[in-house]
């Protein structure tokens, strides 16, 4: 899968391959924070490479994100979850969005507080991944 994708208006669509993720809750604080730091660095590098040294997005901004999960293992006809387009089990949508907000901070924008609007969805698909883009909003002047 190509990690470079653009919308018709030339907006960059950032793609993170693999299962969408959240930061896990750790019991041992030092291990937990080191793990978060490593994950943030790894995914920060992926989106930084896709951003290609462009300047930060300036606020207010809108984050539009789609999380794609593999279909459930049991895809029987009576399994309502397998029939659904939308992913309705863990992890929570809010935790997934929080992960994107954190890994993109200081890579795509200076501060997550500049996010004024969020559109997010969880779907099933044949290929698990996260796709998102950022749109600068008019600031009302």
N, C-alpha and C. Protein backbone atom coordinates (compact mmCIF):
# COMPACT_ATOMS: atom_id res chain seq x y z
N UNK A 1 0.84 -1.18 0.00
CA UNK A 1 0.00 0.00 0.00
C UNK A 1 0.89 1.24 0.00
N UNK A 2 0.60 2.16 -0.89
CA UNK A 2 1.34 3.41 -0.96
C UNK A 2 0.97 4.29 0.22
N UNK A 3 1.98 4.93 0.80
CA UNK A 3 1.72 5.83 1.92
C UNK A 3 1.53 7.27 1.45
N UNK A 4 1.51 7.50 0.17
CA UNK A 4 1.28 8.84 -0.37
C UNK A 4 -0.09 8.85 -1.05
N UNK A 5 -0.94 9.72 -0.56
CA UNK A 5 -2.29 9.81 -1.12
C UNK A 5 -2.72 11.27 -1.03
N UNK A 6 -3.34 11.75 -2.08
CA UNK A 6 -3.82 13.13 -2.08
C UNK A 6 -5.27 13.17 -2.52
N UNK A 7 -6.00 14.09 -1.92
CA UNK A 7 -7.38 14.31 -2.35
C UNK A 7 -7.35 15.18 -3.62
N UNK A 8 -8.49 15.35 -4.23
CA UNK A 8 -8.56 16.15 -5.46
C UNK A 8 -8.04 17.57 -5.30
N UNK A 9 -8.25 18.15 -4.12
CA UNK A 9 -7.80 19.53 -3.90
C UNK A 9 -6.33 19.59 -3.45
N UNK A 10 -5.61 18.49 -3.62
CA UNK A 10 -4.18 18.37 -3.31
C UNK A 10 -3.90 18.30 -1.80
N UNK A 11 -4.93 18.06 -1.00
CA UNK A 11 -4.75 17.86 0.44
C UNK A 11 -4.01 16.55 0.66
N UNK A 12 -3.06 16.56 1.57
CA UNK A 12 -2.32 15.33 1.89
C UNK A 12 -3.20 14.47 2.81
N UNK A 13 -3.36 13.21 2.45
CA UNK A 13 -4.02 12.23 3.31
C UNK A 13 -2.91 11.39 3.93
N UNK A 14 -2.77 11.50 5.24
CA UNK A 14 -1.73 10.76 5.95
C UNK A 14 -2.24 9.35 6.21
N UNK A 15 -1.38 8.36 6.01
CA UNK A 15 -1.77 6.96 6.16
C UNK A 15 -0.82 6.27 7.13
N UNK A 16 -1.41 5.66 8.15
CA UNK A 16 -0.65 4.85 9.10
C UNK A 16 -1.06 3.40 8.89
N UNK A 17 -0.15 2.57 8.39
CA UNK A 17 -0.50 1.17 8.13
C UNK A 17 -0.69 0.38 9.42
N UNK A 18 -1.45 -0.70 9.33
CA UNK A 18 -1.64 -1.57 10.48
C UNK A 18 -2.87 -1.21 11.28
N UNK A 19 -3.11 -2.00 12.32
CA UNK A 19 -4.29 -1.78 13.15
C UNK A 19 -4.25 -0.42 13.82
N UNK A 20 -5.36 0.32 13.78
CA UNK A 20 -5.42 1.57 14.53
C UNK A 20 -5.16 1.30 16.01
N UNK A 21 -4.53 2.26 16.67
CA UNK A 21 -4.16 2.02 18.06
C UNK A 21 -4.40 3.21 18.94
N UNK A 22 -4.41 2.94 20.23
CA UNK A 22 -4.47 3.96 21.26
C UNK A 22 -3.25 3.77 22.14
N UNK A 23 -3.00 4.73 23.00
CA UNK A 23 -1.96 4.53 24.01
C UNK A 23 -2.55 3.62 25.07
N UNK A 24 -1.83 2.55 25.43
CA UNK A 24 -2.34 1.64 26.45
C UNK A 24 -2.12 2.24 27.82
N UNK A 25 -2.93 1.79 28.75
CA UNK A 25 -2.77 2.25 30.13
C UNK A 25 -1.76 1.34 30.80
N UNK A 26 -0.73 1.93 31.36
CA UNK A 26 0.33 1.13 31.96
C UNK A 26 0.24 1.10 33.47
N UNK A 27 0.75 0.04 34.05
CA UNK A 27 0.79 -0.08 35.50
C UNK A 27 2.09 0.50 36.05
N UNK A 28 3.17 0.32 35.33
CA UNK A 28 4.46 0.83 35.77
C UNK A 28 4.72 2.11 34.99
N UNK A 29 4.71 3.24 35.69
CA UNK A 29 4.73 4.54 35.02
C UNK A 29 5.94 4.73 34.11
N UNK A 30 7.12 4.35 34.52
CA UNK A 30 8.29 4.60 33.69
C UNK A 30 8.23 3.78 32.40
N UNK A 31 7.81 2.54 32.51
CA UNK A 31 7.67 1.69 31.32
C UNK A 31 6.58 2.24 30.41
N UNK A 32 5.49 2.67 31.01
CA UNK A 32 4.35 3.22 30.27
C UNK A 32 4.77 4.46 29.48
N UNK A 33 5.42 5.40 30.12
CA UNK A 33 5.80 6.63 29.43
C UNK A 33 6.89 6.40 28.39
N UNK A 34 7.82 5.48 28.64
CA UNK A 34 8.84 5.16 27.65
C UNK A 34 8.20 4.52 26.43
N UNK A 35 7.23 3.64 26.66
CA UNK A 35 6.53 3.00 25.56
C UNK A 35 5.78 4.04 24.73
N UNK A 36 5.09 4.98 25.37
CA UNK A 36 4.38 6.04 24.66
C UNK A 36 5.36 6.89 23.85
N UNK A 37 6.49 7.18 24.45
CA UNK A 37 7.51 8.00 23.76
C UNK A 37 8.01 7.30 22.51
N UNK A 38 8.28 6.00 22.61
CA UNK A 38 8.76 5.23 21.46
C UNK A 38 7.71 5.16 20.36
N UNK A 39 6.45 4.93 20.73
CA UNK A 39 5.37 4.84 19.76
C UNK A 39 5.17 6.18 19.08
N UNK A 40 5.17 7.26 19.87
CA UNK A 40 5.00 8.61 19.32
C UNK A 40 6.11 8.92 18.33
N UNK A 41 7.34 8.56 18.66
CA UNK A 41 8.47 8.78 17.77
C UNK A 41 8.31 7.99 16.47
N UNK A 42 7.96 6.71 16.58
CA UNK A 42 7.80 5.86 15.39
C UNK A 42 6.75 6.42 14.43
N UNK A 43 5.56 6.70 14.94
CA UNK A 43 4.49 7.19 14.08
C UNK A 43 4.70 8.64 13.68
N UNK A 44 5.37 9.40 14.52
CA UNK A 44 5.73 10.77 14.17
C UNK A 44 6.64 10.82 12.96
N UNK A 45 7.58 9.89 12.88
CA UNK A 45 8.48 9.80 11.72
C UNK A 45 7.70 9.44 10.46
N UNK A 46 6.75 8.51 10.58
CA UNK A 46 5.95 8.10 9.42
C UNK A 46 5.17 9.29 8.86
N UNK A 47 4.50 10.04 9.73
CA UNK A 47 3.71 11.16 9.22
C UNK A 47 4.59 12.34 8.82
N UNK A 48 5.74 12.49 9.46
CA UNK A 48 6.67 13.55 9.07
C UNK A 48 7.18 13.32 7.65
N UNK A 49 7.49 12.06 7.32
CA UNK A 49 7.94 11.72 5.96
C UNK A 49 6.85 12.01 4.93
N UNK A 50 5.60 11.77 5.30
CA UNK A 50 4.50 12.05 4.38
C UNK A 50 4.23 13.55 4.26
N UNK A 51 4.53 14.29 5.32
CA UNK A 51 4.30 15.75 5.34
C UNK A 51 5.36 16.48 4.50
N UNK A 52 6.53 15.85 4.35
CA UNK A 52 7.57 16.32 3.43
C UNK A 52 8.05 17.75 3.72
N UNK A 53 8.39 18.02 4.97
CA UNK A 53 8.98 19.31 5.38
C UNK A 53 8.11 20.53 5.08
N UNK A 54 6.83 20.34 4.95
CA UNK A 54 5.94 21.48 4.77
C UNK A 54 5.76 22.16 6.13
N UNK A 55 5.37 23.44 6.14
CA UNK A 55 5.17 24.12 7.43
C UNK A 55 3.99 23.54 8.20
N UNK A 56 3.93 23.85 9.50
CA UNK A 56 2.82 23.43 10.35
C UNK A 56 1.51 23.98 9.80
N UNK A 57 0.44 23.22 10.02
CA UNK A 57 -0.90 23.75 9.77
C UNK A 57 -1.16 24.80 10.83
N UNK A 58 -1.82 25.87 10.43
CA UNK A 58 -2.12 26.94 11.38
C UNK A 58 -3.59 26.87 11.75
N UNK A 59 -3.87 27.10 13.02
CA UNK A 59 -5.22 26.99 13.54
C UNK A 59 -6.08 28.17 13.21
N UNK A 60 -7.36 27.98 13.32
CA UNK A 60 -8.03 26.75 13.73
C UNK A 60 -7.99 25.70 12.61
N UNK A 61 -7.93 24.43 13.03
CA UNK A 61 -7.86 23.34 12.06
C UNK A 61 -8.94 22.30 12.36
N UNK A 62 -9.26 21.52 11.32
CA UNK A 62 -10.19 20.41 11.44
C UNK A 62 -9.42 19.13 11.17
N UNK A 63 -9.59 18.15 12.04
CA UNK A 63 -9.00 16.82 11.87
C UNK A 63 -10.08 15.89 11.37
N UNK A 64 -9.85 15.27 10.21
CA UNK A 64 -10.79 14.30 9.64
C UNK A 64 -10.05 12.96 9.58
N UNK A 65 -10.57 11.97 10.29
CA UNK A 65 -9.84 10.71 10.42
C UNK A 65 -10.78 9.52 10.27
N UNK A 66 -10.31 8.52 9.54
CA UNK A 66 -11.01 7.25 9.37
C UNK A 66 -10.10 6.13 9.84
N UNK A 67 -10.63 5.31 10.73
CA UNK A 67 -9.90 4.15 11.25
C UNK A 67 -10.48 2.91 10.59
N UNK A 68 -9.63 2.09 10.00
CA UNK A 68 -10.07 0.88 9.31
C UNK A 68 -9.52 -0.34 10.05
N UNK A 69 -10.42 -1.23 10.45
CA UNK A 69 -10.07 -2.44 11.18
C UNK A 69 -10.34 -3.66 10.32
N UNK A 70 -9.56 -4.72 10.58
CA UNK A 70 -9.82 -6.00 9.92
C UNK A 70 -11.20 -6.50 10.31
N UNK A 71 -11.82 -7.26 9.43
CA UNK A 71 -13.09 -7.89 9.75
C UNK A 71 -12.89 -8.87 10.90
N UNK A 72 -13.95 -9.12 11.68
CA UNK A 72 -13.83 -10.09 12.78
C UNK A 72 -13.49 -11.48 12.24
N UNK A 73 -12.84 -12.29 13.06
CA UNK A 73 -12.47 -13.64 12.65
C UNK A 73 -13.70 -14.47 12.29
N UNK A 74 -14.73 -14.36 13.08
CA UNK A 74 -15.96 -15.11 12.84
C UNK A 74 -16.85 -14.29 11.94
N UNK A 75 -16.88 -14.62 10.68
CA UNK A 75 -17.71 -13.88 9.72
C UNK A 75 -18.90 -14.71 9.29
N UNK A 76 -19.55 -15.31 10.27
CA UNK A 76 -20.74 -16.10 9.95
C UNK A 76 -21.88 -15.16 9.59
N UNK A 77 -22.86 -15.68 8.89
CA UNK A 77 -24.00 -14.89 8.46
C UNK A 77 -24.80 -14.33 9.63
N UNK A 78 -24.81 -15.06 10.76
CA UNK A 78 -25.58 -14.59 11.91
C UNK A 78 -24.81 -13.60 12.78
N UNK A 79 -23.59 -13.32 12.42
CA UNK A 79 -22.78 -12.38 13.19
C UNK A 79 -23.08 -10.95 12.72
N UNK A 80 -23.85 -10.22 13.51
CA UNK A 80 -24.25 -8.85 13.14
C UNK A 80 -23.03 -7.94 12.99
N UNK A 81 -22.02 -8.14 13.82
CA UNK A 81 -20.83 -7.32 13.76
C UNK A 81 -20.14 -7.47 12.41
N UNK A 82 -20.10 -8.67 11.86
CA UNK A 82 -19.44 -8.92 10.59
C UNK A 82 -20.19 -8.28 9.42
N UNK A 83 -21.50 -8.09 9.58
CA UNK A 83 -22.30 -7.49 8.51
C UNK A 83 -22.18 -5.98 8.48
N UNK A 84 -21.77 -5.40 9.59
CA UNK A 84 -21.76 -3.95 9.72
C UNK A 84 -20.56 -3.32 9.00
N UNK A 85 -20.79 -2.17 8.43
CA UNK A 85 -19.71 -1.37 7.86
C UNK A 85 -18.92 -0.70 8.98
N UNK A 86 -19.63 -0.33 10.05
CA UNK A 86 -19.00 0.39 11.16
C UNK A 86 -18.45 -0.56 12.21
N UNK A 87 -17.30 -0.23 12.73
CA UNK A 87 -16.65 -0.98 13.80
C UNK A 87 -17.19 -0.44 15.12
N UNK A 88 -17.83 -1.31 15.90
CA UNK A 88 -18.51 -0.84 17.12
C UNK A 88 -17.99 -1.49 18.40
N UNK A 89 -16.80 -2.05 18.36
CA UNK A 89 -16.21 -2.63 19.56
C UNK A 89 -14.94 -1.85 19.92
N UNK A 90 -14.28 -2.29 20.99
CA UNK A 90 -13.03 -1.62 21.41
C UNK A 90 -12.00 -1.66 20.31
N UNK A 91 -11.15 -0.66 20.24
CA UNK A 91 -10.98 0.48 21.13
C UNK A 91 -11.98 1.59 20.86
N UNK A 92 -12.10 2.49 21.84
CA UNK A 92 -13.06 3.58 21.70
C UNK A 92 -12.59 4.59 20.67
N UNK A 93 -13.54 5.24 20.04
CA UNK A 93 -13.23 6.27 19.05
C UNK A 93 -12.45 7.42 19.68
N UNK A 94 -12.83 7.81 20.88
CA UNK A 94 -12.14 8.93 21.53
C UNK A 94 -10.67 8.61 21.81
N UNK A 95 -10.38 7.37 22.21
CA UNK A 95 -8.99 6.98 22.44
C UNK A 95 -8.18 6.95 21.16
N UNK A 96 -8.79 6.50 20.07
CA UNK A 96 -8.12 6.47 18.77
C UNK A 96 -7.79 7.89 18.29
N UNK A 97 -8.76 8.80 18.44
CA UNK A 97 -8.54 10.19 18.02
C UNK A 97 -7.45 10.82 18.87
N UNK A 98 -7.47 10.55 20.16
CA UNK A 98 -6.45 11.10 21.07
C UNK A 98 -5.05 10.67 20.62
N UNK A 99 -4.91 9.44 20.20
CA UNK A 99 -3.62 8.94 19.71
C UNK A 99 -3.14 9.77 18.51
N UNK A 100 -4.03 10.02 17.56
CA UNK A 100 -3.66 10.81 16.38
C UNK A 100 -3.32 12.24 16.77
N UNK A 101 -4.10 12.83 17.67
CA UNK A 101 -3.81 14.19 18.13
C UNK A 101 -2.40 14.28 18.70
N UNK A 102 -2.03 13.30 19.51
CA UNK A 102 -0.73 13.32 20.18
C UNK A 102 0.44 13.06 19.23
N UNK A 103 0.31 12.09 18.33
CA UNK A 103 1.45 11.79 17.46
C UNK A 103 1.67 12.87 16.41
N UNK A 104 0.60 13.62 16.07
CA UNK A 104 0.72 14.67 15.05
C UNK A 104 1.20 16.01 15.64
N UNK A 105 1.09 16.13 16.97
CA UNK A 105 1.52 17.38 17.62
C UNK A 105 3.02 17.57 17.44
N UNK A 106 3.41 18.76 17.10
CA UNK A 106 4.80 19.14 16.82
C UNK A 106 5.38 18.46 15.58
N UNK A 107 4.51 17.83 14.80
CA UNK A 107 4.91 17.28 13.50
C UNK A 107 4.08 17.97 12.41
N UNK A 108 2.76 18.02 12.61
CA UNK A 108 1.88 18.64 11.63
C UNK A 108 1.34 19.98 12.11
N UNK A 109 1.23 20.16 13.41
CA UNK A 109 0.77 21.42 14.00
C UNK A 109 1.51 21.61 15.32
N UNK A 110 1.55 22.85 15.76
CA UNK A 110 2.32 23.16 16.96
C UNK A 110 1.68 22.70 18.25
N UNK A 111 0.37 22.79 18.33
CA UNK A 111 -0.32 22.46 19.57
C UNK A 111 -1.69 21.87 19.24
N UNK A 112 -2.04 20.79 19.93
CA UNK A 112 -3.33 20.15 19.65
C UNK A 112 -4.52 21.05 19.99
N UNK A 113 -4.29 22.11 20.75
CA UNK A 113 -5.38 23.05 21.08
C UNK A 113 -5.88 23.79 19.84
N UNK A 114 -5.11 23.79 18.76
CA UNK A 114 -5.55 24.45 17.53
C UNK A 114 -6.62 23.65 16.79
N UNK A 115 -6.87 22.41 17.22
CA UNK A 115 -7.92 21.59 16.61
C UNK A 115 -9.27 22.12 17.09
N UNK A 116 -10.05 22.66 16.17
CA UNK A 116 -11.35 23.24 16.51
C UNK A 116 -12.50 22.32 16.12
N UNK A 117 -12.27 21.36 15.24
CA UNK A 117 -13.31 20.45 14.79
C UNK A 117 -12.70 19.09 14.48
N UNK A 118 -13.46 18.05 14.78
CA UNK A 118 -13.01 16.68 14.51
C UNK A 118 -14.16 15.90 13.86
N UNK A 119 -13.83 15.18 12.78
CA UNK A 119 -14.76 14.23 12.17
C UNK A 119 -14.03 12.89 12.19
N UNK A 120 -14.63 11.88 12.82
CA UNK A 120 -13.96 10.59 12.96
C UNK A 120 -14.94 9.44 12.78
N UNK A 121 -14.44 8.36 12.17
CA UNK A 121 -15.25 7.16 11.93
C UNK A 121 -14.39 5.92 12.12
N UNK A 122 -15.04 4.81 12.55
CA UNK A 122 -14.39 3.50 12.62
C UNK A 122 -15.12 2.58 11.66
N UNK A 123 -14.35 1.95 10.78
CA UNK A 123 -14.92 1.06 9.77
C UNK A 123 -14.23 -0.29 9.78
N UNK A 124 -14.88 -1.27 9.14
CA UNK A 124 -14.23 -2.53 8.79
C UNK A 124 -13.73 -2.42 7.37
N UNK A 125 -12.60 -3.06 7.09
CA UNK A 125 -12.06 -3.07 5.74
C UNK A 125 -11.12 -4.26 5.62
N UNK A 126 -10.76 -4.59 4.41
CA UNK A 126 -9.84 -5.72 4.18
C UNK A 126 -8.42 -5.40 4.64
N UNK A 127 -8.09 -4.12 4.66
CA UNK A 127 -6.73 -3.72 5.04
C UNK A 127 -6.82 -2.72 6.20
N UNK A 128 -6.29 -3.11 7.35
CA UNK A 128 -6.35 -2.23 8.50
C UNK A 128 -5.35 -1.08 8.33
N UNK A 129 -5.81 0.10 8.73
CA UNK A 129 -4.97 1.30 8.60
C UNK A 129 -5.72 2.48 9.23
N UNK A 130 -5.03 3.60 9.31
CA UNK A 130 -5.64 4.86 9.71
C UNK A 130 -5.33 5.87 8.62
N UNK A 131 -6.35 6.58 8.18
CA UNK A 131 -6.17 7.65 7.18
C UNK A 131 -6.73 8.93 7.77
N UNK A 132 -5.97 10.01 7.65
CA UNK A 132 -6.49 11.28 8.14
C UNK A 132 -5.92 12.44 7.33
N UNK A 133 -6.63 13.54 7.41
CA UNK A 133 -6.13 14.77 6.81
C UNK A 133 -6.52 15.93 7.69
N UNK A 134 -5.85 17.04 7.49
CA UNK A 134 -6.07 18.24 8.27
C UNK A 134 -6.47 19.36 7.33
N UNK A 135 -7.47 20.09 7.75
CA UNK A 135 -7.98 21.20 6.95
C UNK A 135 -7.90 22.47 7.78
N UNK A 136 -7.28 23.50 7.22
CA UNK A 136 -7.25 24.78 7.91
C UNK A 136 -8.62 25.44 7.76
N UNK A 137 -9.18 25.90 8.86
CA UNK A 137 -10.49 26.53 8.87
C UNK A 137 -10.35 28.05 8.83
N UNK A 138 -11.33 28.74 8.27
CA UNK A 138 -11.28 30.20 8.33
C UNK A 138 -11.39 30.64 9.78
N UNK A 139 -10.65 31.67 10.16
CA UNK A 139 -10.65 32.06 11.57
C UNK A 139 -11.64 33.18 11.88
N UNK A 140 -12.57 33.46 10.99
CA UNK A 140 -13.66 34.38 11.28
C UNK A 140 -13.36 35.85 11.09
N UNK A 141 -12.21 36.18 10.55
CA UNK A 141 -11.88 37.59 10.35
C UNK A 141 -12.44 38.10 9.05
